[in-house]
Amino acid sequence: MANTFHVSVYVRSIPEAVEQYRKILGIEPAKVRADYAKFELADPPVIFALNVGGEPGRLSHLGIRYPETGSVASELVRAKHNDLAPFQQQGTTCCYAKADKFWVRDADAIPWEMYTLLEDIEAETAADPALRAFLSQEKPSDQNVPACCVPAEGPTP
């Protein structure tokens, strides 16, 4: 399995966005929940995620999904060597999946998620306060909105 580019955007409504992206992409979503959906394109290899909780039409984050934990570990070493200040998470759950990952920000403060999928899960459990701090996010006031999808308040670092 090759590396896969990941794009996550905020949408107003998951059902409406899923219906529109079915038409745009010509495929069915790989996963749909009340607050999250994911399309997995084969060519080009892209994981396109939809989240509620941020400003509709805005980018949530970018990333790369690697085929195994060893690749993520190698990339983490490279990120540290290049002084990218990675935020590491192992065996974390977010977006209805368990993953080994780390986050970095690019020169324009866009968050990048570098991860490998360990397994799909049914529960959304993205309430990690350290991740919210890294992403400059506040705790959601609506507990139905996942913490990983809450927009940043104020300027990003």
Protein backbone atom coordinates (compact mmCIF):
# COMPACT_ATOMS: atom_id res chain seq x y z
CA MET A 1 0.00 0.00 0.00
CA ALA A 2 1.35 3.41 -0.97
CA ASN A 3 1.22 6.66 0.96
CA THR A 4 -2.07 8.50 0.56
CA PHE A 5 -2.64 12.26 0.60
CA HIS A 6 -5.24 13.43 3.13
CA VAL A 7 -7.43 16.54 2.94
CA SER A 8 -9.97 17.46 5.60
CA VAL A 9 -12.50 20.27 5.16
CA TYR A 10 -15.29 21.73 7.25
CA VAL A 11 -18.84 21.47 5.92
CA ARG A 12 -22.19 22.83 7.06
CA SER A 13 -24.08 19.54 6.77
CA ILE A 14 -22.69 16.03 6.42
CA PRO A 15 -25.73 14.64 4.53
CA GLU A 16 -25.75 17.55 2.06
CA ALA A 17 -21.98 17.45 1.57
CA VAL A 18 -21.96 13.67 1.09
CA GLU A 19 -24.66 13.93 -1.56
CA GLN A 20 -22.76 16.68 -3.41
CA TYR A 21 -19.38 14.91 -3.21
CA ARG A 22 -20.93 11.66 -4.45
CA LYS A 23 -21.77 13.60 -7.60
CA ILE A 24 -18.43 15.44 -7.81
CA LEU A 25 -16.20 12.43 -7.11
CA GLY A 26 -18.37 9.71 -8.66
CA ILE A 27 -17.86 7.31 -5.73
CA GLU A 28 -19.59 6.32 -2.52
CA PRO A 29 -18.12 7.42 0.81
CA ALA A 30 -16.02 4.89 2.72
CA LYS A 31 -17.44 6.08 6.05
CA VAL A 32 -20.39 8.27 7.06
CA ARG A 33 -21.35 9.33 10.58
CA ALA A 34 -23.55 12.19 11.82
CA ASP A 35 -20.54 14.51 12.21
CA TYR A 36 -17.99 13.00 9.81
CA ALA A 37 -17.64 11.43 6.38
CA LYS A 38 -14.69 10.12 4.39
CA PHE A 39 -14.17 9.41 0.70
CA GLU A 40 -11.18 7.29 -0.38
CA LEU A 41 -10.13 7.93 -3.95
CA ALA A 42 -7.90 5.35 -5.64
CA ASP A 43 -6.52 7.49 -8.47
CA PRO A 44 -5.04 9.78 -7.41
CA PRO A 45 -4.80 8.24 -3.94
CA VAL A 46 -6.56 10.76 -1.66
CA ILE A 47 -8.48 10.49 1.58
CA PHE A 48 -11.00 13.31 1.53
CA ALA A 49 -12.66 13.91 4.91
CA LEU A 50 -15.65 16.09 5.77
CA ASN A 51 -16.10 17.48 9.29
CA VAL A 52 -18.67 19.67 10.98
CA GLY A 53 -17.64 22.10 13.69
CA GLY A 54 -15.57 24.62 11.77
CA GLU A 55 -16.35 27.34 9.28
CA PRO A 56 -17.98 25.62 6.27
CA GLY A 57 -15.80 25.67 3.17
CA ARG A 58 -12.57 26.07 5.14
CA LEU A 59 -9.64 23.69 5.32
CA SER A 60 -9.39 21.73 8.57
CA HIS A 61 -5.99 20.13 7.89
CA LEU A 62 -3.81 18.26 5.41
CA GLY A 63 -1.88 15.07 5.90
CA ILE A 64 -0.40 11.83 4.67
CA ARG A 65 -1.53 8.34 5.60
CA TYR A 66 1.35 5.86 5.66
CA PRO A 67 0.96 2.10 5.23
CA GLU A 68 2.49 1.16 8.60
CA THR A 69 3.61 2.51 11.96
CA GLY A 70 7.30 2.15 11.00
CA SER A 71 6.87 4.73 8.24
CA VAL A 72 5.25 7.16 10.67
CA ALA A 73 8.11 6.61 13.12
CA SER A 74 10.69 7.31 10.38
CA GLU A 75 8.88 10.47 9.36
CA LEU A 76 8.68 11.54 13.01
CA VAL A 77 12.46 11.22 13.31
CA ARG A 78 12.88 13.28 10.15
CA ALA A 79 10.45 15.95 11.44
CA LYS A 80 12.35 16.20 14.74
CA HIS A 81 15.69 16.38 12.90
CA ASN A 82 14.30 19.30 10.86
CA ASP A 83 13.05 21.13 14.00
CA LEU A 84 9.38 20.92 13.00
CA ALA A 85 8.19 20.56 16.63
CA PRO A 86 5.95 17.54 16.06
CA PHE A 87 3.09 16.69 18.38
CA GLN A 88 3.06 12.89 18.71
CA GLN A 89 0.07 10.62 19.41
CA GLN A 90 0.26 6.83 19.54
CA GLY A 91 -2.83 4.63 19.53
CA THR A 92 -5.08 7.67 19.59
CA THR A 93 -8.70 7.69 18.47
CA CYS A 94 -10.16 10.41 16.27
CA CYS A 95 -12.59 10.52 13.37
CA TYR A 96 -13.88 7.02 14.14
CA ALA A 97 -10.43 5.46 13.75
CA LYS A 98 -7.50 4.40 15.91
CA ALA A 99 -4.13 5.60 14.61
CA ASP A 100 -0.47 6.21 15.35
CA LYS A 101 0.25 9.78 14.27
CA PHE A 102 2.01 13.04 14.71
CA TRP A 103 1.13 16.59 13.76
CA VAL A 104 3.26 19.47 12.48
CA ARG A 105 2.46 22.95 11.17
CA ASP A 106 3.76 24.32 7.90
CA ALA A 107 5.17 27.83 7.41
CA ASP A 108 1.62 29.21 7.09
CA ALA A 109 0.41 27.39 10.25
CA ILE A 110 -1.63 24.77 8.38
CA PRO A 111 -1.80 21.61 10.50
CA TRP A 112 -0.45 18.45 8.87
CA GLU A 113 -1.44 15.03 10.23
CA MET A 114 1.02 12.21 9.49
CA TYR A 115 -0.52 8.87 10.45
CA THR A 116 -1.17 5.21 9.91
CA LEU A 117 -4.60 3.71 10.38
CA LEU A 118 -4.56 0.93 12.97
CA GLU A 119 -8.28 0.14 12.86
CA ASP A 120 -11.70 1.63 12.31
CA ILE A 121 -13.78 2.13 15.46
CA GLU A 122 -17.38 3.11 16.09
CA ALA A 123 -16.81 5.80 18.73
CA GLU A 124 -15.61 9.35 18.12
CA THR A 125 -13.24 10.00 21.01
CA ALA A 126 -11.22 13.05 19.96
CA ALA A 127 -11.15 14.89 23.26
CA ASP A 128 -7.38 15.08 23.76
CA PRO A 129 -6.68 18.45 25.44
CA ALA A 130 -3.02 18.36 24.31
CA LEU A 131 -4.12 17.99 20.67
CA ARG A 132 -6.64 20.82 21.07
CA ALA A 133 -3.82 22.99 22.44
CA PHE A 134 -1.54 22.08 19.51
CA LEU A 135 -4.30 22.91 17.03
CA SER A 136 -5.19 26.11 18.93
CA GLN A 137 -8.70 24.83 19.54
CA GLU A 138 -11.12 25.45 22.35
CA LYS A 139 -13.15 22.69 23.96
CA PRO A 140 -16.40 22.36 22.02
CA SER A 141 -19.45 23.85 23.68
CA ASP A 142 -21.65 21.38 21.78
CA GLN A 143 -20.62 17.92 22.96
CA ASN A 144 -21.97 16.46 19.69
CA VAL A 145 -19.12 18.17 17.82
CA PRO A 146 -15.80 16.30 17.90
CA ALA A 147 -12.93 18.23 19.45
CA CYS A 148 -10.69 17.55 16.45
CA CYS A 149 -13.09 19.48 14.26
CA VAL A 150 -13.48 22.67 16.29
CA PRO A 151 -12.13 25.80 14.61
CA ALA A 152 -9.25 27.71 16.12
CA GLU A 153 -10.13 30.79 18.11
CA GLY A 154 -8.08 33.82 17.16
CA PRO A 155 -4.78 33.78 15.28
CA THR A 156 -2.90 30.52 14.91
CA PRO A 157 0.68 30.28 16.15
